[in-house]
């Protein structure tokens, strides 16, 4: 059965939880639900239910279950890099919020032309932000006249 991307998006927005992706990623990395459950602090039955819920939401199998553990299906393999990125962004967001809560006044404001934003700043800012999570960076793109 073919699922419409818009229907799937709306279903995920209304019913999916971060825990779904966290368990999916850990299970893929560790090859077992038991290991994933231990890694995130859930019971194995709870983690199994979370995966079943995610597969139900997506209307597809993400893992092949066998006696030696679990391996990704082709759909699960395609979803894994995106889920990793999403979980990573959640981790980065938590770090950023925690850092900002302690240093609310530390702000760097940068105004640059499009070439500067797309060139030098696009390369330099990610490393600066990782190195200084307590500093907020406000970037404004301006025209050359300003």
C-alpha atoms as a PDB file:
ATOM      1  CA  UNK A   1       0.000   0.000   0.000  1.00  0.00           C
ATOM      2  CA  UNK A   2       1.354   3.424  -1.008  1.00  0.00           C
ATOM      3  CA  UNK A   3       1.142   6.155   1.624  1.00  0.00           C
ATOM      4  CA  UNK A   4       0.813   9.819   0.749  1.00  0.00           C
ATOM      5  CA  UNK A   5       3.722  11.920   2.069  1.00  0.00           C
ATOM      6  CA  UNK A   6       1.417  14.676   3.299  1.00  0.00           C
ATOM      7  CA  UNK A   7      -0.755  12.221   5.218  1.00  0.00           C
ATOM      8  CA  UNK A   8       2.358  10.633   6.722  1.00  0.00           C
ATOM      9  CA  UNK A   9       3.811  14.030   7.688  1.00  0.00           C
ATOM     10  CA  UNK A  10       0.586  15.090   9.399  1.00  0.00           C
ATOM     11  CA  UNK A  11       0.333  11.772  11.226  1.00  0.00           C
ATOM     12  CA  UNK A  12       3.924  12.048  12.471  1.00  0.00           C
ATOM     13  CA  UNK A  13       3.450  15.648  13.588  1.00  0.00           C
ATOM     14  CA  UNK A  14       0.345  14.771  15.556  1.00  0.00           C
ATOM     15  CA  UNK A  15       1.349  11.411  17.049  1.00  0.00           C
ATOM     16  CA  UNK A  16       5.088  10.778  16.852  1.00  0.00           C
ATOM     17  CA  UNK A  17       7.354  11.332  19.834  1.00  0.00           C
ATOM     18  CA  UNK A  18      11.066  11.929  20.123  1.00  0.00           C
ATOM     19  CA  UNK A  19      11.277   8.631  21.999  1.00  0.00           C
ATOM     20  CA  UNK A  20      10.262   6.811  18.780  1.00  0.00           C
ATOM     21  CA  UNK A  21      13.328   8.080  16.944  1.00  0.00           C
ATOM     22  CA  UNK A  22      15.626   7.631  19.933  1.00  0.00           C
ATOM     23  CA  UNK A  23      14.710   3.946  20.300  1.00  0.00           C
ATOM     24  CA  UNK A  24      14.846   3.431  16.523  1.00  0.00           C
ATOM     25  CA  UNK A  25      18.388   4.855  16.321  1.00  0.00           C
ATOM     26  CA  UNK A  26      19.669   2.938  19.356  1.00  0.00           C
ATOM     27  CA  UNK A  27      18.144  -0.328  18.142  1.00  0.00           C
ATOM     28  CA  UNK A  28      19.751   0.145  14.735  1.00  0.00           C
ATOM     29  CA  UNK A  29      23.125   0.924  16.313  1.00  0.00           C
ATOM     30  CA  UNK A  30      23.065  -1.902  18.845  1.00  0.00           C
ATOM     31  CA  UNK A  31      21.142  -4.509  16.849  1.00  0.00           C
ATOM     32  CA  UNK A  32      18.802  -5.342  19.716  1.00  0.00           C
ATOM     33  CA  UNK A  33      15.817  -3.848  21.467  1.00  0.00           C
ATOM     34  CA  UNK A  34      17.140  -5.006  24.832  1.00  0.00           C
ATOM     35  CA  UNK A  35      20.383  -3.056  24.352  1.00  0.00           C
ATOM     36  CA  UNK A  36      18.511  -0.008  23.094  1.00  0.00           C
ATOM     37  CA  UNK A  37      16.142  -0.134  26.052  1.00  0.00           C
ATOM     38  CA  UNK A  38      19.031  -0.286  28.514  1.00  0.00           C
ATOM     39  CA  UNK A  39      20.812   2.584  26.739  1.00  0.00           C
ATOM     40  CA  UNK A  40      17.837   4.940  27.074  1.00  0.00           C
ATOM     41  CA  UNK A  41      16.519   3.741  30.427  1.00  0.00           C
ATOM     42  CA  UNK A  42      13.380   1.878  29.359  1.00  0.00           C
ATOM     43  CA  UNK A  43      12.261  -1.674  29.940  1.00  0.00           C
ATOM     44  CA  UNK A  44      12.610  -4.026  26.977  1.00  0.00           C
ATOM     45  CA  UNK A  45       8.822  -4.430  26.605  1.00  0.00           C
ATOM     46  CA  UNK A  46       8.391  -0.636  26.563  1.00  0.00           C
ATOM     47  CA  UNK A  47      11.069  -0.238  23.893  1.00  0.00           C
ATOM     48  CA  UNK A  48       9.473  -3.010  21.835  1.00  0.00           C
ATOM     49  CA  UNK A  49       6.141  -1.200  22.061  1.00  0.00           C
ATOM     50  CA  UNK A  50       7.739   2.107  21.023  1.00  0.00           C
ATOM     51  CA  UNK A  51       9.180   0.455  17.898  1.00  0.00           C
ATOM     52  CA  UNK A  52       5.858  -1.194  17.117  1.00  0.00           C
ATOM     53  CA  UNK A  53       4.130   2.187  17.459  1.00  0.00           C
ATOM     54  CA  UNK A  54       6.632   3.795  15.088  1.00  0.00           C
ATOM     55  CA  UNK A  55       6.193   1.047  12.508  1.00  0.00           C
ATOM     56  CA  UNK A  56       2.429   1.449  12.814  1.00  0.00           C
ATOM     57  CA  UNK A  57       2.682   5.222  12.311  1.00  0.00           C
ATOM     58  CA  UNK A  58       4.901   4.756   9.255  1.00  0.00           C
ATOM     59  CA  UNK A  59       2.912   1.760   7.982  1.00  0.00           C
ATOM     60  CA  UNK A  60       6.083  -0.184   7.260  1.00  0.00           C
ATOM     61  CA  UNK A  61       8.621  -2.533   8.830  1.00  0.00           C
ATOM     62  CA  UNK A  62      11.863  -0.887   9.910  1.00  0.00           C
ATOM     63  CA  UNK A  63      13.636  -4.025  11.141  1.00  0.00           C
ATOM     64  CA  UNK A  64      13.964  -7.664  10.226  1.00  0.00           C
ATOM     65  CA  UNK A  65      13.845  -9.680  13.423  1.00  0.00           C
ATOM     66  CA  UNK A  66      15.954 -12.828  13.662  1.00  0.00           C
ATOM     67  CA  UNK A  67      17.555 -15.014  16.326  1.00  0.00           C
ATOM     68  CA  UNK A  68      20.797 -12.980  16.360  1.00  0.00           C
ATOM     69  CA  UNK A  69      19.061  -9.630  16.811  1.00  0.00           C
ATOM     70  CA  UNK A  70      17.632  -7.130  14.385  1.00  0.00           C
ATOM     71  CA  UNK A  71      18.756  -5.677  11.093  1.00  0.00           C
ATOM     72  CA  UNK A  72      17.336  -2.725   9.203  1.00  0.00           C
ATOM     73  CA  UNK A  73      15.003  -3.106   6.270  1.00  0.00           C
ATOM     74  CA  UNK A  74      15.712  -0.909   3.242  1.00  0.00           C
ATOM     75  CA  UNK A  75      13.204   1.642   4.554  1.00  0.00           C
ATOM     76  CA  UNK A  76      14.821   1.588   8.002  1.00  0.00           C
ATOM     77  CA  UNK A  77      18.232   1.996   6.396  1.00  0.00           C
ATOM     78  CA  UNK A  78      16.998   5.061   4.512  1.00  0.00           C
ATOM     79  CA  UNK A  79      15.412   6.555   7.628  1.00  0.00           C
ATOM     80  CA  UNK A  80      18.405   6.003   9.926  1.00  0.00           C
ATOM     81  CA  UNK A  81      20.615   8.945   8.841  1.00  0.00           C
ATOM     82  CA  UNK A  82      17.668  11.335   9.094  1.00  0.00           C
ATOM     83  CA  UNK A  83      16.663  10.015  12.510  1.00  0.00           C
ATOM     84  CA  UNK A  84      20.273  10.288  13.727  1.00  0.00           C
ATOM     85  CA  UNK A  85      20.403  13.880  12.553  1.00  0.00           C
ATOM     86  CA  UNK A  86      17.100  14.680  14.269  1.00  0.00           C
ATOM     87  CA  UNK A  87      18.152  13.093  17.571  1.00  0.00           C
ATOM     88  CA  UNK A  88      21.480  14.920  17.307  1.00  0.00           C
ATOM     89  CA  UNK A  89      19.654  18.220  16.860  1.00  0.00           C
ATOM     90  CA  UNK A  90      17.592  17.511  19.958  1.00  0.00           C
ATOM     91  CA  UNK A  91      20.808  16.855  21.905  1.00  0.00           C
ATOM     92  CA  UNK A  92      22.380  20.068  20.558  1.00  0.00           C
ATOM     93  CA  UNK A  93      19.240  22.029  21.415  1.00  0.00           C
ATOM     94  CA  UNK A  94      19.282  20.777  24.988  1.00  0.00           C
ATOM     95  CA  UNK A  95      22.948  21.708  25.326  1.00  0.00           C
ATOM     96  CA  UNK A  96      22.304  25.137  23.853  1.00  0.00           C
ATOM     97  CA  UNK A  97      19.336  25.876  26.108  1.00  0.00           C
ATOM     98  CA  UNK A  98      21.240  24.719  29.189  1.00  0.00           C
ATOM     99  CA  UNK A  99      24.191  26.916  28.259  1.00  0.00           C
ATOM    100  CA  UNK A 100      21.994  29.920  27.540  1.00  0.00           C
ATOM    101  CA  UNK A 101      20.149  29.541  30.802  1.00  0.00           C
ATOM    102  CA  UNK A 102      23.433  30.184  32.595  1.00  0.00           C
ATOM    103  CA  UNK A 103      24.724  32.902  30.254  1.00  0.00           C
ATOM    104  CA  UNK A 104      21.684  34.774  29.003  1.00  0.00           C
ATOM    105  CA  UNK A 105      23.629  37.993  28.350  1.00  0.00           C
ATOM    106  CA  UNK A 106      26.419  36.621  26.105  1.00  0.00           C
ATOM    107  CA  UNK A 107      25.546  37.634  22.552  1.00  0.00           C
ATOM    108  CA  UNK A 108      27.614  38.230  19.428  1.00  0.00           C
ATOM    109  CA  UNK A 109      25.881  40.190  16.683  1.00  0.00           C
ATOM    110  CA  UNK A 110      27.183  39.879  13.132  1.00  0.00           C
ATOM    111  CA  UNK A 111      26.006  41.731  10.042  1.00  0.00           C
ATOM    112  CA  UNK A 112      27.402  40.517   6.733  1.00  0.00           C
ATOM    113  CA  UNK A 113      26.717  40.633   3.019  1.00  0.00           C
ATOM    114  CA  UNK A 114      25.378  37.513   1.311  1.00  0.00           C
ATOM    115  CA  UNK A 115      28.812  36.446   0.100  1.00  0.00           C
ATOM    116  CA  UNK A 116      30.171  36.638   3.651  1.00  0.00           C
ATOM    117  CA  UNK A 117      27.282  34.649   5.065  1.00  0.00           C
ATOM    118  CA  UNK A 118      27.478  31.975   2.362  1.00  0.00           C
ATOM    119  CA  UNK A 119      31.270  31.823   2.377  1.00  0.00           C
ATOM    120  CA  UNK A 120      33.409  32.541   5.396  1.00  0.00           C
ATOM    121  CA  UNK A 121      30.678  32.619   8.050  1.00  0.00           C
ATOM    122  CA  UNK A 122      29.027  29.414   6.818  1.00  0.00           C
ATOM    123  CA  UNK A 123      32.355  27.678   7.385  1.00  0.00           C
ATOM    124  CA  UNK A 124      33.425  29.394  10.611  1.00  0.00           C
ATOM    125  CA  UNK A 125      30.214  29.788  12.628  1.00  0.00           C
ATOM    126  CA  UNK A 126      29.358  26.103  13.235  1.00  0.00           C
ATOM    127  CA  UNK A 127      32.767  25.486  14.850  1.00  0.00           C
ATOM    128  CA  UNK A 128      32.504  28.708  16.883  1.00  0.00           C
ATOM    129  CA  UNK A 129      29.036  27.778  18.131  1.00  0.00           C
ATOM    130  CA  UNK A 130      30.186  24.267  19.103  1.00  0.00           C
ATOM    131  CA  UNK A 131      33.232  25.696  20.891  1.00  0.00           C
ATOM    132  CA  UNK A 132      31.213  28.407  22.675  1.00  0.00           C
ATOM    133  CA  UNK A 133      27.712  27.045  23.332  1.00  0.00           C
ATOM    134  CA  UNK A 134      27.033  29.707  25.961  1.00  0.00           C
ATOM    135  CA  UNK A 135      27.334  32.520  23.425  1.00  0.00           C
ATOM    136  CA  UNK A 136      24.321  33.318  21.289  1.00  0.00           C
ATOM    137  CA  UNK A 137      25.086  34.394  17.742  1.00  0.00           C
ATOM    138  CA  UNK A 138      22.710  36.751  15.952  1.00  0.00           C
ATOM    139  CA  UNK A 139      23.473  36.852  12.242  1.00  0.00           C
ATOM    140  CA  UNK A 140      21.881  39.409   9.958  1.00  0.00           C
ATOM    141  CA  UNK A 141      22.337  39.390   6.222  1.00  0.00           C
ATOM    142  CA  UNK A 142      22.552  42.924   4.806  1.00  0.00           C
ATOM    143  CA  UNK A 143      23.103  44.458   1.397  1.00  0.00           C
ATOM    144  CA  UNK A 144      26.474  46.004   0.527  1.00  0.00           C
ATOM    145  CA  UNK A 145      25.203  49.568   1.044  1.00  0.00           C
ATOM    146  CA  UNK A 146      24.450  48.900   4.725  1.00  0.00           C
END
